[in-house]
Amino acid sequence: MAIRVMLVDDQVLLRTGFRMVLAAQPDMEVVAEAGDGAEAIETLRSTAVDVVLMDVRMPRLDGVEATRRICAQPNAPKVLILTTFDLDEYAFSGLKAGASGFMLKDVPPAELLAAIRSVHSGDAVVAPSTTRRLLDRFSPMLPSGTGEPQHKDIAKLTEREREVMLLVAQGLSNGEIAARLVLSEATVKTHVGRILTKLSLRDRVQVVVLAYETGLVRAGGGAA
């Protein structure tokens, strides 16, 4: 079944460009479009969507608030925030709102397509290291990280799971974590899955956000 994509942007020309790229793919289909967040939410009530490409600056309802409302719904589609270099604060807010990642608006077509496929399969669409650099830039928005982590469910993690979580938050891939801890990559993937389940998180991006919020890692990516 083709990946059902929704385009949300107030620039018709930009939506047209994205639609042309996606329409050329045998495994993708643009099933809906919207010019702002409010229209997107209304459309999703009657249209089944797998992945939403979400702009941030739009009239009526911006992409961050729309993402928050969409991700709060059961069986919600995955959301990719579209941003530019000078609007990274919106990408940060989008991640906090539940987006599975963020992309630059001028992303090459091949990267856009790979990102859509990746998020549809359940992965984050940005490298954890990229997310970490974003969070480093906006670390003043986060708690100081002093004392013990405040997220109650972190206590549910085993020592190994907590170790894996720290490495995810520091930007390591599953393969890199496996090499660091002398584990198989499949074992690391299992640990990451358990971390997501125990902490009720959607993907690796939210693991990074939580690690910063709770002070498990400091700005710069080091363990607290």
Foldseek 3Di string as FASTA:
>chain_A
DAAEEEEEALDPVLVVVLQVLQVVDPRHHHPYYYNALVVVVVVVVPDDHAEYEAEADGPPHGRLVSLLVQQVDPPGHAYEYEDAPVPLVSQVSNVVSAHLYYDYSPDPSVLVVVLSVQVSVQARSDQLCVLLLSCLVVLVVADPLPDFFDQVLVVVQDPVLLVLLLVLLLRDDLVRVCVVVVHDSVVSVVSQVVVCVSSVHRYSSVSNVSCSRRNCADNVSHGD
